[in-house]
């Protein structure tokens, strides 16, 4: 993420949409919005997957796996980054 000359935050990871960010935040009980049942179950699958299985899921759902890993990495400020991405689309 970078800041544009007008002061707006720009998402440098187009795989993570504002909706994905909001749904992942909800999964981690950090605000956001609940997603449709398919995506709620996808997040559960990502959560319980082995490293190999998660890599396979990332091929089909790259934004979801990237967002999940950001949310799980609290030391690097991942959840805060997801909050900013989620707000870019007007979701809170």
N, C-alpha and C. Protein backbone atom coordinates (compact mmCIF):
# COMPACT_ATOMS: atom_id res chain seq x y z
N UNK A 1 0.83 -1.16 0.00
CA UNK A 1 0.00 0.00 0.00
C UNK A 1 0.88 1.24 0.00
N UNK A 2 0.49 2.21 -0.78
CA UNK A 2 1.20 3.48 -0.80
C UNK A 2 0.19 4.59 -0.74
N UNK A 3 0.68 5.79 -0.51
CA UNK A 3 -0.19 6.96 -0.50
C UNK A 3 0.02 7.72 -1.81
N UNK A 4 -1.08 8.07 -2.46
CA UNK A 4 -1.01 8.80 -3.71
C UNK A 4 -0.69 10.26 -3.43
N UNK A 5 -0.33 11.05 -4.45
CA UNK A 5 -0.04 12.47 -4.23
C UNK A 5 -1.21 13.24 -3.60
N UNK A 6 -2.44 12.73 -3.77
CA UNK A 6 -3.60 13.41 -3.19
C UNK A 6 -3.90 12.93 -1.77
N UNK A 7 -3.05 12.03 -1.24
CA UNK A 7 -3.21 11.56 0.14
C UNK A 7 -4.07 10.33 0.28
N UNK A 8 -4.54 9.77 -0.84
CA UNK A 8 -5.35 8.56 -0.77
C UNK A 8 -4.46 7.33 -0.65
N UNK A 9 -4.97 6.31 0.02
CA UNK A 9 -4.22 5.06 0.16
C UNK A 9 -4.50 4.21 -1.07
N UNK A 10 -3.45 3.67 -1.66
CA UNK A 10 -3.57 2.84 -2.84
C UNK A 10 -3.23 1.40 -2.45
N UNK A 11 -4.08 0.47 -2.84
CA UNK A 11 -3.86 -0.95 -2.56
C UNK A 11 -2.92 -1.51 -3.63
N UNK A 12 -1.73 -1.95 -3.23
CA UNK A 12 -0.77 -2.49 -4.19
C UNK A 12 -0.96 -3.98 -4.44
N UNK A 13 -1.91 -4.60 -3.77
CA UNK A 13 -2.17 -6.02 -3.98
C UNK A 13 -3.58 -6.17 -4.54
N UNK A 14 -3.72 -6.16 -5.86
CA UNK A 14 -5.05 -6.21 -6.46
C UNK A 14 -5.79 -7.52 -6.19
N UNK A 15 -5.09 -8.55 -5.72
CA UNK A 15 -5.77 -9.81 -5.39
C UNK A 15 -6.66 -9.67 -4.17
N UNK A 16 -6.34 -8.74 -3.29
CA UNK A 16 -7.13 -8.55 -2.07
C UNK A 16 -8.08 -7.37 -2.31
N UNK A 17 -9.33 -7.70 -2.57
CA UNK A 17 -10.33 -6.66 -2.80
C UNK A 17 -10.86 -6.16 -1.45
N UNK A 18 -11.53 -5.01 -1.44
CA UNK A 18 -12.14 -4.55 -0.19
C UNK A 18 -13.12 -5.56 0.40
N UNK A 19 -13.86 -6.26 -0.45
CA UNK A 19 -14.82 -7.25 0.05
C UNK A 19 -14.09 -8.43 0.70
N UNK A 20 -13.04 -8.91 0.06
CA UNK A 20 -12.26 -10.02 0.65
C UNK A 20 -11.71 -9.59 2.00
N UNK A 21 -11.13 -8.40 2.06
CA UNK A 21 -10.56 -7.90 3.32
C UNK A 21 -11.63 -7.87 4.41
N UNK A 22 -12.82 -7.38 4.08
CA UNK A 22 -13.90 -7.29 5.07
C UNK A 22 -14.33 -8.67 5.55
N UNK A 23 -14.42 -9.63 4.64
CA UNK A 23 -14.85 -10.98 5.03
C UNK A 23 -13.79 -11.68 5.89
N UNK A 24 -12.52 -11.48 5.55
CA UNK A 24 -11.44 -12.09 6.34
C UNK A 24 -11.39 -11.45 7.73
N UNK A 25 -11.56 -10.15 7.82
CA UNK A 25 -11.59 -9.49 9.13
C UNK A 25 -12.72 -10.06 9.98
N UNK A 26 -13.87 -10.29 9.38
CA UNK A 26 -15.00 -10.87 10.12
C UNK A 26 -14.63 -12.26 10.63
N UNK A 27 -13.98 -13.05 9.80
CA UNK A 27 -13.57 -14.41 10.20
C UNK A 27 -12.67 -14.37 11.43
N UNK A 28 -11.83 -13.34 11.51
CA UNK A 28 -10.91 -13.19 12.64
C UNK A 28 -11.50 -12.38 13.79
N UNK A 29 -12.79 -12.09 13.73
CA UNK A 29 -13.49 -11.34 14.78
C UNK A 29 -12.86 -9.95 14.99
N UNK A 30 -12.53 -9.31 13.87
CA UNK A 30 -11.92 -7.97 13.93
C UNK A 30 -12.74 -6.97 13.12
N UNK A 31 -14.06 -7.09 13.21
CA UNK A 31 -14.93 -6.21 12.44
C UNK A 31 -15.26 -6.85 11.11
N UNK A 32 -15.31 -6.04 10.08
CA UNK A 32 -15.60 -6.56 8.75
C UNK A 32 -17.05 -6.97 8.59
N UNK A 33 -17.29 -7.77 7.58
CA UNK A 33 -18.64 -8.21 7.26
C UNK A 33 -18.63 -9.71 6.97
N UNK A 34 -19.72 -10.41 7.36
CA UNK A 34 -19.77 -11.83 7.01
C UNK A 34 -19.97 -11.99 5.51
N UNK A 35 -19.33 -12.98 4.96
CA UNK A 35 -19.49 -13.26 3.53
C UNK A 35 -20.52 -14.35 3.31
N UNK A 36 -20.80 -14.65 2.06
CA UNK A 36 -21.68 -15.78 1.76
C UNK A 36 -21.10 -17.08 2.32
N UNK A 37 -21.96 -18.07 2.48
CA UNK A 37 -21.56 -19.33 3.10
C UNK A 37 -20.34 -19.95 2.42
N UNK A 38 -20.27 -19.92 1.10
CA UNK A 38 -19.13 -20.50 0.40
C UNK A 38 -17.82 -19.88 0.89
N UNK A 39 -17.77 -18.57 1.00
CA UNK A 39 -16.54 -17.90 1.41
C UNK A 39 -16.25 -18.10 2.89
N UNK A 40 -17.27 -18.21 3.72
CA UNK A 40 -17.04 -18.52 5.13
C UNK A 40 -16.41 -19.91 5.26
N UNK A 41 -16.88 -20.85 4.45
CA UNK A 41 -16.30 -22.21 4.49
C UNK A 41 -14.92 -22.24 3.85
N UNK A 42 -14.70 -21.42 2.83
CA UNK A 42 -13.37 -21.33 2.23
C UNK A 42 -12.36 -20.85 3.27
N UNK A 43 -12.73 -19.86 4.06
CA UNK A 43 -11.81 -19.35 5.09
C UNK A 43 -11.53 -20.43 6.14
N UNK A 44 -12.53 -21.23 6.47
CA UNK A 44 -12.30 -22.34 7.40
C UNK A 44 -11.36 -23.36 6.77
N UNK A 45 -11.53 -23.62 5.49
CA UNK A 45 -10.64 -24.57 4.80
C UNK A 45 -9.20 -24.04 4.79
N UNK A 46 -9.03 -22.76 4.54
CA UNK A 46 -7.69 -22.16 4.56
C UNK A 46 -7.09 -22.29 5.96
N UNK A 47 -7.91 -22.07 6.96
CA UNK A 47 -7.45 -22.12 8.34
C UNK A 47 -6.93 -23.51 8.74
N UNK A 48 -7.59 -24.56 8.30
CA UNK A 48 -7.21 -25.91 8.73
C UNK A 48 -6.29 -26.62 7.74
N UNK A 49 -6.02 -26.00 6.61
CA UNK A 49 -5.21 -26.63 5.57
C UNK A 49 -3.76 -26.78 5.99
N UNK A 50 -3.14 -27.85 5.51
CA UNK A 50 -1.69 -28.01 5.66
C UNK A 50 -1.01 -27.00 4.73
N UNK A 51 0.29 -26.89 4.83
CA UNK A 51 1.02 -25.95 3.96
C UNK A 51 0.81 -26.28 2.49
N UNK A 52 0.85 -27.56 2.14
CA UNK A 52 0.64 -27.97 0.74
C UNK A 52 -0.78 -27.67 0.28
N UNK A 53 -1.74 -27.96 1.14
CA UNK A 53 -3.13 -27.69 0.79
C UNK A 53 -3.39 -26.20 0.65
N UNK A 54 -2.79 -25.41 1.53
CA UNK A 54 -2.96 -23.96 1.46
C UNK A 54 -2.35 -23.42 0.17
N UNK A 55 -1.22 -23.98 -0.24
CA UNK A 55 -0.60 -23.55 -1.50
C UNK A 55 -1.52 -23.86 -2.68
N UNK A 56 -2.19 -25.01 -2.64
CA UNK A 56 -3.13 -25.36 -3.70
C UNK A 56 -4.33 -24.41 -3.70
N UNK A 57 -4.83 -24.08 -2.52
CA UNK A 57 -5.93 -23.12 -2.43
C UNK A 57 -5.51 -21.75 -2.95
N UNK A 58 -4.27 -21.38 -2.72
CA UNK A 58 -3.78 -20.08 -3.17
C UNK A 58 -3.75 -19.98 -4.69
N UNK A 59 -3.61 -21.09 -5.37
CA UNK A 59 -3.64 -21.06 -6.84
C UNK A 59 -5.02 -20.66 -7.34
N UNK A 60 -6.05 -21.14 -6.68
CA UNK A 60 -7.42 -20.85 -7.10
C UNK A 60 -7.98 -19.58 -6.45
N UNK A 61 -7.54 -19.27 -5.24
CA UNK A 61 -8.08 -18.14 -4.48
C UNK A 61 -6.95 -17.30 -3.89
N UNK A 62 -6.12 -16.69 -4.74
CA UNK A 62 -4.93 -16.00 -4.23
C UNK A 62 -5.23 -14.86 -3.25
N UNK A 63 -6.23 -14.07 -3.54
CA UNK A 63 -6.55 -12.96 -2.65
C UNK A 63 -7.02 -13.40 -1.29
N UNK A 64 -7.78 -14.48 -1.27
CA UNK A 64 -8.30 -15.00 -0.01
C UNK A 64 -7.17 -15.53 0.87
N UNK A 65 -6.24 -16.28 0.29
CA UNK A 65 -5.13 -16.82 1.08
C UNK A 65 -4.20 -15.70 1.53
N UNK A 66 -3.90 -14.75 0.65
CA UNK A 66 -3.05 -13.62 1.04
C UNK A 66 -3.69 -12.83 2.17
N UNK A 67 -4.97 -12.56 2.07
CA UNK A 67 -5.66 -11.79 3.12
C UNK A 67 -5.68 -12.57 4.43
N UNK A 68 -5.92 -13.88 4.35
CA UNK A 68 -5.93 -14.72 5.55
C UNK A 68 -4.58 -14.64 6.24
N UNK A 69 -3.51 -14.77 5.46
CA UNK A 69 -2.17 -14.74 6.05
C UNK A 69 -1.83 -13.37 6.62
N UNK A 70 -2.32 -12.31 6.00
CA UNK A 70 -2.13 -10.97 6.57
C UNK A 70 -2.83 -10.87 7.92
N UNK A 71 -4.07 -11.33 7.97
CA UNK A 71 -4.84 -11.23 9.21
C UNK A 71 -4.20 -12.04 10.33
N UNK A 72 -3.60 -13.17 9.98
CA UNK A 72 -2.97 -14.03 10.98
C UNK A 72 -1.63 -13.47 11.46
N UNK A 73 -1.03 -12.56 10.69
CA UNK A 73 0.29 -12.01 11.02
C UNK A 73 0.14 -10.67 11.73
N UNK A 74 -0.19 -10.74 12.99
CA UNK A 74 -0.44 -9.52 13.76
C UNK A 74 0.83 -8.71 14.01
N UNK A 75 1.98 -9.38 14.03
CA UNK A 75 3.23 -8.68 14.31
C UNK A 75 3.60 -7.68 13.23
N UNK A 76 3.18 -7.94 11.99
CA UNK A 76 3.54 -7.04 10.90
C UNK A 76 2.44 -6.01 10.62
N UNK A 77 1.41 -5.98 11.42
CA UNK A 77 0.33 -5.02 11.20
C UNK A 77 -0.64 -5.46 10.11
N UNK A 78 -0.66 -6.74 9.81
CA UNK A 78 -1.54 -7.26 8.77
C UNK A 78 -3.01 -6.92 8.96
N UNK A 79 -3.55 -7.12 10.17
CA UNK A 79 -4.97 -6.78 10.35
C UNK A 79 -5.27 -5.30 10.08
N UNK A 80 -4.38 -4.42 10.48
CA UNK A 80 -4.59 -2.99 10.22
C UNK A 80 -4.58 -2.70 8.73
N UNK A 81 -3.71 -3.40 8.02
CA UNK A 81 -3.65 -3.23 6.57
C UNK A 81 -4.96 -3.69 5.92
N UNK A 82 -5.50 -4.80 6.41
CA UNK A 82 -6.78 -5.28 5.88
C UNK A 82 -7.91 -4.31 6.17
N UNK A 83 -7.89 -3.69 7.33
CA UNK A 83 -8.92 -2.68 7.65
C UNK A 83 -8.85 -1.55 6.63
N UNK A 84 -7.65 -1.09 6.33
CA UNK A 84 -7.51 0.00 5.34
C UNK A 84 -8.00 -0.44 3.96
N UNK A 85 -7.68 -1.66 3.56
CA UNK A 85 -8.14 -2.15 2.26
C UNK A 85 -9.67 -2.24 2.25
N UNK A 86 -10.24 -2.76 3.33
CA UNK A 86 -11.71 -2.92 3.38
C UNK A 86 -12.41 -1.58 3.26
N UNK A 87 -11.83 -0.55 3.79
CA UNK A 87 -12.46 0.78 3.73
C UNK A 87 -12.32 1.45 2.38
N UNK A 88 -11.42 0.94 1.55
CA UNK A 88 -11.26 1.51 0.21
C UNK A 88 -12.49 1.27 -0.63
N UNK A 89 -13.25 0.24 -0.32
CA UNK A 89 -14.44 -0.07 -1.11
C UNK A 89 -15.72 0.39 -0.45
N UNK A 90 -15.61 1.12 0.63
CA UNK A 90 -16.80 1.60 1.32
C UNK A 90 -17.40 0.59 2.30
N UNK A 91 -16.77 -0.58 2.48
CA UNK A 91 -17.26 -1.55 3.45
C UNK A 91 -16.58 -1.28 4.79
N UNK A 92 -17.30 -1.48 5.86
CA UNK A 92 -16.73 -1.25 7.19
C UNK A 92 -17.09 -2.34 8.12
